[in-house]
Amino acid sequence: MPAPSPSQEVSIRLVVNDRARQIDVHAAETLLGALRDRLGLTGPKEACGEGECGACTVLVDGGPVASCILAAGSTDGRSVRTVEGLAGAGDLTTLQQAFVGHAAVQCGYCTPGVLMVLTALLEEVSEPTEADVRQALAGNICRCTGYQQIVEAALDAARAVAS
């Protein structure tokens, strides 16, 4: 069977924020485009469009990915979590609460992607070091905070969850 043309639509089934979804996407459409334009999930942001800044980061099967360069069709049968899927029933996660407590949010443009990479880190490493947090943030550009408040918030969140 020949590969679909970029304008041809394909149907994919995936789980987005714990909800089974079926959507039609163009063969060349990015996951970011599908999330924002087809599902109305505007948390992931488009900034660089090249997978370099981290603003579009979501978790696919638990791992952080740059949704601006990932083909939506490649997520067929997979699980996707966006920043909208972090807080259940309106309650902030421990990490989100720590961001508020440390004033780790300024303009907010990078915040969804930063929260997603740190969520993945904290789900994988129960007691991360400052170096672990900074390494996780290496693919996320923040021009407002200088990162220190973000690092402190992540470490406090990890301590709060561990206790």
N, C-alpha and C. Protein backbone atom coordinates (compact mmCIF):
# COMPACT_ATOMS: atom_id res chain seq x y z
N MET A 1 0.85 -1.18 0.00
CA MET A 1 0.00 0.00 0.00
C MET A 1 0.89 1.24 0.00
N PRO A 2 0.64 2.20 -0.88
CA PRO A 2 1.47 3.41 -0.93
C PRO A 2 1.27 4.27 0.31
N ALA A 3 2.29 5.05 0.64
CA ALA A 3 2.19 5.99 1.77
C ALA A 3 1.14 7.05 1.45
N PRO A 4 0.41 7.51 2.48
CA PRO A 4 -0.59 8.55 2.23
C PRO A 4 0.07 9.86 1.83
N SER A 5 -0.61 10.63 1.00
CA SER A 5 -0.09 11.95 0.63
C SER A 5 -0.27 12.88 1.83
N PRO A 6 0.53 13.96 1.91
CA PRO A 6 0.44 14.86 3.06
C PRO A 6 -0.95 15.44 3.30
N SER A 7 -1.75 15.58 2.24
CA SER A 7 -3.08 16.16 2.43
C SER A 7 -4.15 15.11 2.73
N GLN A 8 -3.82 13.85 2.57
CA GLN A 8 -4.78 12.78 2.83
C GLN A 8 -5.01 12.63 4.33
N GLU A 9 -6.26 12.40 4.70
CA GLU A 9 -6.57 12.21 6.11
C GLU A 9 -6.48 10.74 6.48
N VAL A 10 -5.99 10.50 7.70
CA VAL A 10 -5.95 9.16 8.27
C VAL A 10 -6.64 9.22 9.62
N SER A 11 -7.26 8.14 10.00
CA SER A 11 -7.94 8.08 11.28
C SER A 11 -7.03 7.42 12.31
N ILE A 12 -6.89 8.06 13.46
CA ILE A 12 -6.08 7.49 14.53
C ILE A 12 -6.90 7.37 15.80
N ARG A 13 -6.55 6.37 16.59
CA ARG A 13 -7.15 6.17 17.91
C ARG A 13 -6.03 6.31 18.93
N LEU A 14 -6.28 7.11 19.93
CA LEU A 14 -5.30 7.33 20.97
C LEU A 14 -6.02 7.68 22.25
N VAL A 15 -5.30 7.65 23.33
CA VAL A 15 -5.84 8.06 24.62
C VAL A 15 -5.19 9.40 24.96
N VAL A 16 -6.02 10.42 25.12
CA VAL A 16 -5.52 11.75 25.44
C VAL A 16 -6.05 12.14 26.81
N ASN A 17 -5.13 12.36 27.73
CA ASN A 17 -5.50 12.74 29.10
C ASN A 17 -6.53 11.76 29.67
N ASP A 18 -6.23 10.48 29.52
CA ASP A 18 -7.03 9.37 30.05
C ASP A 18 -8.39 9.21 29.38
N ARG A 19 -8.57 9.81 28.21
CA ARG A 19 -9.84 9.69 27.49
C ARG A 19 -9.58 9.13 26.09
N ALA A 20 -10.23 8.02 25.76
CA ALA A 20 -10.07 7.43 24.43
C ALA A 20 -10.64 8.38 23.39
N ARG A 21 -9.86 8.60 22.33
CA ARG A 21 -10.27 9.51 21.27
C ARG A 21 -10.00 8.88 19.92
N GLN A 22 -10.81 9.23 18.94
CA GLN A 22 -10.56 8.87 17.55
C GLN A 22 -10.69 10.16 16.76
N ILE A 23 -9.62 10.48 16.02
CA ILE A 23 -9.64 11.71 15.23
C ILE A 23 -9.06 11.44 13.85
N ASP A 24 -9.49 12.25 12.92
CA ASP A 24 -8.93 12.21 11.57
C ASP A 24 -7.90 13.32 11.48
N VAL A 25 -6.71 12.96 11.02
CA VAL A 25 -5.62 13.93 10.88
C VAL A 25 -5.04 13.82 9.49
N HIS A 26 -4.46 14.89 9.02
CA HIS A 26 -3.73 14.85 7.75
C HIS A 26 -2.45 14.05 7.97
N ALA A 27 -2.03 13.35 6.97
CA ALA A 27 -0.85 12.50 7.09
C ALA A 27 0.39 13.27 7.54
N ALA A 28 0.51 14.53 7.17
CA ALA A 28 1.67 15.34 7.54
C ALA A 28 1.44 16.22 8.77
N GLU A 29 0.30 16.09 9.41
CA GLU A 29 -0.04 16.94 10.55
C GLU A 29 0.77 16.55 11.78
N THR A 30 1.20 17.56 12.52
CA THR A 30 1.94 17.29 13.75
C THR A 30 0.96 16.98 14.89
N LEU A 31 1.50 16.33 15.91
CA LEU A 31 0.69 16.08 17.09
C LEU A 31 0.25 17.39 17.72
N LEU A 32 1.13 18.38 17.73
CA LEU A 32 0.77 19.69 18.28
C LEU A 32 -0.44 20.27 17.55
N GLY A 33 -0.42 20.22 16.24
CA GLY A 33 -1.55 20.73 15.47
C GLY A 33 -2.83 19.98 15.77
N ALA A 34 -2.75 18.67 15.86
CA ALA A 34 -3.93 17.86 16.16
C ALA A 34 -4.48 18.17 17.55
N LEU A 35 -3.59 18.29 18.52
CA LEU A 35 -4.03 18.58 19.89
C LEU A 35 -4.71 19.94 19.97
N ARG A 36 -4.11 20.93 19.37
CA ARG A 36 -4.63 22.29 19.46
C ARG A 36 -5.86 22.50 18.56
N ASP A 37 -5.73 22.09 17.29
CA ASP A 37 -6.77 22.42 16.32
C ASP A 37 -7.94 21.44 16.30
N ARG A 38 -7.68 20.19 16.58
CA ARG A 38 -8.75 19.19 16.50
C ARG A 38 -9.35 18.84 17.85
N LEU A 39 -8.54 18.97 18.92
CA LEU A 39 -9.04 18.59 20.24
C LEU A 39 -9.19 19.79 21.18
N GLY A 40 -8.77 20.97 20.75
CA GLY A 40 -8.94 22.17 21.57
C GLY A 40 -8.05 22.22 22.79
N LEU A 41 -6.97 21.46 22.80
CA LEU A 41 -6.04 21.46 23.93
C LEU A 41 -4.92 22.46 23.63
N THR A 42 -5.05 23.65 24.17
CA THR A 42 -4.14 24.73 23.83
C THR A 42 -3.01 24.91 24.84
N GLY A 43 -2.86 23.99 25.78
CA GLY A 43 -1.75 24.07 26.72
C GLY A 43 -0.41 23.99 26.03
N PRO A 44 -0.18 22.96 25.21
CA PRO A 44 1.09 22.92 24.48
C PRO A 44 1.17 24.10 23.51
N LYS A 45 2.29 24.78 23.53
CA LYS A 45 2.45 25.99 22.72
C LYS A 45 3.36 25.74 21.52
N GLU A 46 3.08 26.45 20.42
CA GLU A 46 3.99 26.41 19.29
C GLU A 46 4.88 27.65 19.38
N ALA A 47 6.17 27.40 19.40
CA ALA A 47 7.11 28.52 19.46
C ALA A 47 8.12 28.37 18.33
N CYS A 48 9.04 27.43 18.46
CA CYS A 48 10.10 27.31 17.45
C CYS A 48 9.68 26.49 16.24
N GLY A 49 8.79 25.53 16.43
CA GLY A 49 8.38 24.66 15.33
C GLY A 49 9.46 23.70 14.87
N GLU A 50 10.52 23.58 15.65
CA GLU A 50 11.65 22.74 15.27
C GLU A 50 12.07 21.76 16.37
N GLY A 51 11.30 21.67 17.45
CA GLY A 51 11.63 20.75 18.53
C GLY A 51 12.79 21.20 19.39
N GLU A 52 13.08 22.49 19.41
CA GLU A 52 14.24 23.00 20.13
C GLU A 52 13.91 23.71 21.44
N CYS A 53 12.69 24.23 21.59
CA CYS A 53 12.43 25.11 22.74
C CYS A 53 11.66 24.46 23.88
N GLY A 54 10.94 23.38 23.62
CA GLY A 54 10.23 22.68 24.66
C GLY A 54 8.84 23.19 24.98
N ALA A 55 8.40 24.28 24.38
CA ALA A 55 7.09 24.84 24.70
C ALA A 55 5.94 23.90 24.34
N CYS A 56 6.17 23.01 23.40
CA CYS A 56 5.13 22.10 22.92
C CYS A 56 5.19 20.72 23.57
N THR A 57 6.03 20.55 24.59
CA THR A 57 6.26 19.23 25.16
C THR A 57 5.00 18.63 25.75
N VAL A 58 4.75 17.38 25.38
CA VAL A 58 3.69 16.55 25.95
C VAL A 58 4.33 15.21 26.29
N LEU A 59 3.59 14.38 27.02
CA LEU A 59 4.09 13.05 27.32
C LEU A 59 3.39 12.05 26.41
N VAL A 60 4.16 11.24 25.72
CA VAL A 60 3.62 10.16 24.91
C VAL A 60 4.10 8.86 25.55
N ASP A 61 3.15 8.05 25.97
CA ASP A 61 3.46 6.82 26.70
C ASP A 61 4.40 7.10 27.87
N GLY A 62 4.19 8.25 28.52
CA GLY A 62 4.93 8.60 29.73
C GLY A 62 6.22 9.36 29.52
N GLY A 63 6.69 9.47 28.28
CA GLY A 63 7.95 10.16 28.01
C GLY A 63 7.74 11.49 27.32
N PRO A 64 8.56 12.49 27.63
CA PRO A 64 8.41 13.80 27.00
C PRO A 64 8.81 13.78 25.53
N VAL A 65 8.00 14.44 24.70
CA VAL A 65 8.29 14.57 23.28
C VAL A 65 7.94 15.98 22.82
N ALA A 66 8.64 16.43 21.80
CA ALA A 66 8.33 17.72 21.17
C ALA A 66 7.19 17.47 20.19
N SER A 67 6.00 17.88 20.56
CA SER A 67 4.82 17.58 19.73
C SER A 67 4.80 18.37 18.43
N CYS A 68 5.65 19.40 18.31
CA CYS A 68 5.66 20.20 17.08
C CYS A 68 6.37 19.49 15.94
N ILE A 69 7.13 18.44 16.22
CA ILE A 69 7.83 17.71 15.16
C ILE A 69 7.43 16.25 15.09
N LEU A 70 6.48 15.83 15.92
CA LEU A 70 6.01 14.44 15.91
C LEU A 70 4.76 14.33 15.06
N ALA A 71 4.78 13.42 14.11
CA ALA A 71 3.60 13.21 13.26
C ALA A 71 2.46 12.69 14.11
N ALA A 72 1.31 13.31 13.98
CA ALA A 72 0.14 12.88 14.75
C ALA A 72 -0.18 11.41 14.48
N GLY A 73 -0.02 10.98 13.24
CA GLY A 73 -0.32 9.60 12.90
C GLY A 73 0.52 8.59 13.65
N SER A 74 1.70 9.00 14.11
CA SER A 74 2.56 8.07 14.84
C SER A 74 2.07 7.80 16.25
N THR A 75 1.05 8.52 16.68
CA THR A 75 0.52 8.30 18.03
C THR A 75 -0.68 7.36 18.03
N ASP A 76 -0.99 6.78 16.89
CA ASP A 76 -2.10 5.82 16.81
C ASP A 76 -1.84 4.69 17.82
N GLY A 77 -2.80 4.46 18.70
CA GLY A 77 -2.70 3.40 19.70
C GLY A 77 -1.87 3.76 20.92
N ARG A 78 -1.49 5.01 21.04
CA ARG A 78 -0.63 5.42 22.15
C ARG A 78 -1.38 6.32 23.12
N SER A 79 -0.73 6.62 24.23
CA SER A 79 -1.29 7.48 25.26
C SER A 79 -0.56 8.82 25.25
N VAL A 80 -1.33 9.90 25.25
CA VAL A 80 -0.79 11.25 25.23
C VAL A 80 -1.33 12.00 26.45
N ARG A 81 -0.42 12.69 27.13
CA ARG A 81 -0.85 13.52 28.26
C ARG A 81 -0.33 14.93 28.03
N THR A 82 -1.23 15.89 28.15
CA THR A 82 -0.89 17.30 28.01
C THR A 82 -1.00 17.95 29.38
N VAL A 83 -0.61 19.21 29.46
CA VAL A 83 -0.69 19.91 30.74
C VAL A 83 -2.13 19.94 31.26
N GLU A 84 -3.10 19.94 30.35
CA GLU A 84 -4.50 19.93 30.79
C GLU A 84 -4.85 18.65 31.55
N GLY A 85 -4.09 17.59 31.31
CA GLY A 85 -4.36 16.31 31.96
C GLY A 85 -3.65 16.13 33.29
N LEU A 86 -2.90 17.11 33.75
CA LEU A 86 -2.17 16.94 35.00
C LEU A 86 -3.07 17.02 36.22
N ALA A 87 -3.87 18.07 36.32
CA ALA A 87 -4.70 18.28 37.51
C ALA A 87 -6.04 17.60 37.34
N GLY A 88 -6.35 16.72 38.26
CA GLY A 88 -7.65 16.06 38.22
C GLY A 88 -8.64 16.79 39.10
N ALA A 89 -9.86 16.85 38.68
CA ALA A 89 -10.95 17.47 39.43
C ALA A 89 -10.62 18.90 39.88
N GLY A 90 -9.80 19.59 39.07
CA GLY A 90 -9.50 20.98 39.37
C GLY A 90 -8.41 21.21 40.40
N ASP A 91 -7.91 20.14 41.03
CA ASP A 91 -6.86 20.30 42.02
C ASP A 91 -5.50 20.35 41.33
N LEU A 92 -4.65 21.26 41.76
CA LEU A 92 -3.31 21.34 41.21
C LEU A 92 -2.48 20.16 41.70
N THR A 93 -1.57 19.71 40.87
CA THR A 93 -0.65 18.67 41.32
C THR A 93 0.33 19.28 42.31
N THR A 94 1.06 18.44 43.00
CA THR A 94 2.08 18.92 43.94
C THR A 94 3.09 19.80 43.21
N LEU A 95 3.48 19.40 42.00
CA LEU A 95 4.43 20.19 41.23
C LEU A 95 3.83 21.55 40.86
N GLN A 96 2.60 21.58 40.41
CA GLN A 96 1.96 22.85 40.06
C GLN A 96 1.85 23.75 41.29
N GLN A 97 1.51 23.18 42.44
CA GLN A 97 1.44 23.96 43.68
C GLN A 97 2.81 24.54 44.03
N ALA A 98 3.86 23.74 43.83
CA ALA A 98 5.22 24.21 44.11
C ALA A 98 5.60 25.35 43.16
N PHE A 99 5.15 25.28 41.90
CA PHE A 99 5.41 26.37 40.96
C PHE A 99 4.79 27.66 41.46
N VAL A 100 3.57 27.59 41.96
CA VAL A 100 2.90 28.77 42.49
C VAL A 100 3.67 29.29 43.71
N GLY A 101 4.01 28.37 44.61
CA GLY A 101 4.70 28.75 45.84
C GLY A 101 6.07 29.37 45.62
N HIS A 102 6.74 29.00 44.56
CA HIS A 102 8.08 29.51 44.27
C HIS A 102 8.09 30.60 43.20
N ALA A 103 6.93 31.06 42.80
CA ALA A 103 6.83 32.05 41.72
C ALA A 103 7.64 31.60 40.51
N ALA A 104 7.48 30.32 40.17
CA ALA A 104 8.21 29.73 39.05
C ALA A 104 7.54 30.00 37.71
N VAL A 105 6.43 30.70 37.75
CA VAL A 105 5.71 31.05 36.52
C VAL A 105 5.77 32.56 36.35
N GLN A 106 6.23 32.98 35.21
CA GLN A 106 6.20 34.42 34.94
C GLN A 106 5.32 34.67 33.73
N CYS A 107 5.86 34.70 32.53
CA CYS A 107 4.97 34.94 31.39
C CYS A 107 4.08 33.72 31.13
N GLY A 108 4.56 32.53 31.46
CA GLY A 108 3.77 31.32 31.35
C GLY A 108 3.85 30.59 30.03
N TYR A 109 4.52 31.15 29.04
CA TYR A 109 4.54 30.50 27.73
C TYR A 109 5.25 29.15 27.77
N CYS A 110 6.35 29.07 28.49
CA CYS A 110 7.11 27.82 28.56
C CYS A 110 6.55 26.86 29.60
N THR A 111 5.73 27.35 30.50
CA THR A 111 5.31 26.59 31.67
C THR A 111 4.68 25.24 31.35
N PRO A 112 3.77 25.11 30.39
CA PRO A 112 3.21 23.78 30.12
C PRO A 112 4.28 22.75 29.76
N GLY A 113 5.21 23.11 28.90
CA GLY A 113 6.27 22.18 28.53
C GLY A 113 7.18 21.85 29.69
N VAL A 114 7.52 22.86 30.49
CA VAL A 114 8.37 22.65 31.66
C VAL A 114 7.67 21.71 32.64
N LEU A 115 6.40 21.94 32.89
CA LEU A 115 5.65 21.06 33.79
C LEU A 115 5.64 19.62 33.29
N MET A 116 5.53 19.45 31.98
CA MET A 116 5.47 18.10 31.44
C MET A 116 6.81 17.37 31.59
N VAL A 117 7.93 18.03 31.30
CA VAL A 117 9.22 17.33 31.44
C VAL A 117 9.51 17.05 32.91
N LEU A 118 9.13 17.96 33.78
CA LEU A 118 9.37 17.72 35.21
C LEU A 118 8.42 16.67 35.77
N THR A 119 7.20 16.60 35.26
CA THR A 119 6.30 15.53 35.66
C THR A 119 6.89 14.18 35.29
N ALA A 120 7.40 14.07 34.08
CA ALA A 120 8.03 12.82 33.65
C ALA A 120 9.22 12.48 34.54
N LEU A 121 10.04 13.48 34.86
CA LEU A 121 11.19 13.25 35.73
C LEU A 121 10.75 12.75 37.10
N LEU A 122 9.79 13.44 37.71
CA LEU A 122 9.36 13.07 39.06
C LEU A 122 8.64 11.73 39.09
N GLU A 123 8.04 11.32 37.99
CA GLU A 123 7.42 10.00 37.93
C GLU A 123 8.46 8.90 37.79
N GLU A 124 9.63 9.27 37.27
CA GLU A 124 10.70 8.29 37.05
C GLU A 124 11.72 8.28 38.19
N VAL A 125 12.02 9.44 38.75
CA VAL A 125 13.06 9.57 39.78
C VAL A 125 12.41 10.17 41.03
N SER A 126 12.33 9.38 42.11
CA SER A 126 11.62 9.85 43.30
C SER A 126 12.40 10.91 44.08
N GLU A 127 13.72 10.86 44.02
CA GLU A 127 14.52 11.85 44.74
C GLU A 127 15.55 12.46 43.79
N PRO A 128 15.09 13.31 42.87
CA PRO A 128 16.04 13.89 41.91
C PRO A 128 16.98 14.88 42.58
N THR A 129 18.15 14.99 42.03
CA THR A 129 19.12 16.00 42.46
C THR A 129 18.88 17.27 41.65
N GLU A 130 19.54 18.33 42.06
CA GLU A 130 19.45 19.57 41.28
C GLU A 130 19.96 19.33 39.87
N ALA A 131 21.02 18.52 39.75
CA ALA A 131 21.57 18.21 38.43
C ALA A 131 20.55 17.45 37.58
N ASP A 132 19.81 16.53 38.21
CA ASP A 132 18.77 15.79 37.48
C ASP A 132 17.72 16.74 36.93
N VAL A 133 17.29 17.68 37.75
CA VAL A 133 16.26 18.63 37.33
C VAL A 133 16.79 19.51 36.20
N ARG A 134 17.99 20.01 36.36
CA ARG A 134 18.55 20.87 35.31
C ARG A 134 18.75 20.10 34.00
N GLN A 135 19.14 18.82 34.10
CA GLN A 135 19.29 18.00 32.89
C GLN A 135 17.93 17.80 32.22
N ALA A 136 16.89 17.54 33.01
CA ALA A 136 15.54 17.36 32.44
C ALA A 136 15.09 18.63 31.73
N LEU A 137 15.50 19.78 32.25
CA LEU A 137 15.09 21.07 31.68
C LEU A 137 15.94 21.51 30.49
N ALA A 138 16.94 20.74 30.14
CA ALA A 138 17.90 21.16 29.11
C ALA A 138 17.23 21.47 27.78
N GLY A 139 16.11 20.86 27.47
CA GLY A 139 15.44 21.11 26.20
C GLY A 139 14.33 22.14 26.27
N ASN A 140 14.22 22.83 27.39
CA ASN A 140 13.15 23.83 27.58
C ASN A 140 13.75 25.21 27.77
N ILE A 141 13.35 26.12 26.91
CA ILE A 141 13.85 27.49 26.99
C ILE A 141 12.86 28.35 27.76
N CYS A 142 13.37 28.99 28.81
CA CYS A 142 12.57 29.96 29.57
C CYS A 142 13.36 31.26 29.57
N ARG A 143 12.73 32.33 29.13
CA ARG A 143 13.44 33.61 29.04
C ARG A 143 13.10 34.53 30.20
N CYS A 144 12.23 34.08 31.11
CA CYS A 144 11.78 34.98 32.18
C CYS A 144 12.35 34.65 33.55
N THR A 145 12.40 33.38 33.91
CA THR A 145 12.67 33.03 35.30
C THR A 145 14.12 32.86 35.66
N GLY A 146 14.99 32.56 34.72
CA GLY A 146 16.36 32.24 35.06
C GLY A 146 16.48 30.83 35.62
N TYR A 147 15.42 30.07 35.62
CA TYR A 147 15.34 28.65 35.98
C TYR A 147 15.44 28.35 37.47
N GLN A 148 16.04 29.21 38.29
CA GLN A 148 16.26 28.86 39.69
C GLN A 148 14.95 28.54 40.41
N GLN A 149 13.93 29.38 40.22
CA GLN A 149 12.65 29.12 40.88
C GLN A 149 12.03 27.80 40.40
N ILE A 150 12.22 27.49 39.12
CA ILE A 150 11.69 26.25 38.56
C ILE A 150 12.39 25.05 39.20
N VAL A 151 13.70 25.12 39.31
CA VAL A 151 14.48 24.04 39.93
C VAL A 151 14.06 23.85 41.38
N GLU A 152 13.97 24.95 42.12
CA GLU A 152 13.56 24.87 43.53
C GLU A 152 12.16 24.28 43.68
N ALA A 153 11.26 24.67 42.80
CA ALA A 153 9.90 24.14 42.86
C ALA A 153 9.89 22.63 42.61
N ALA A 154 10.66 22.18 41.63
CA ALA A 154 10.71 20.75 41.33
C ALA A 154 11.28 19.96 42.49
N LEU A 155 12.34 20.46 43.10
CA LEU A 155 12.94 19.76 44.23
C LEU A 155 12.01 19.74 45.43
N ASP A 156 11.31 20.84 45.69
CA ASP A 156 10.34 20.87 46.78
C ASP A 156 9.19 19.90 46.51
N ALA A 157 8.73 19.85 45.28
CA ALA A 157 7.64 18.92 44.93
C ALA A 157 8.09 17.47 45.16
N ALA A 158 9.31 17.17 44.77
CA ALA A 158 9.82 15.81 44.97
C ALA A 158 9.89 15.48 46.46
N ARG A 159 10.35 16.42 47.27
CA ARG A 159 10.42 16.19 48.72
C ARG A 159 9.01 16.02 49.31
N ALA A 160 8.07 16.81 48.83
CA ALA A 160 6.70 16.73 49.36
C ALA A 160 6.06 15.38 49.03
N VAL A 161 6.31 14.89 47.84
CA VAL A 161 5.75 13.59 47.44
C VAL A 161 6.41 12.46 48.21
N ALA A 162 7.72 12.58 48.47
CA ALA A 162 8.47 11.54 49.17
C ALA A 162 8.11 11.45 50.64
N SER A 163 7.65 12.55 51.22
CA SER A 163 7.36 12.54 52.67
C SER A 163 5.98 12.06 53.00
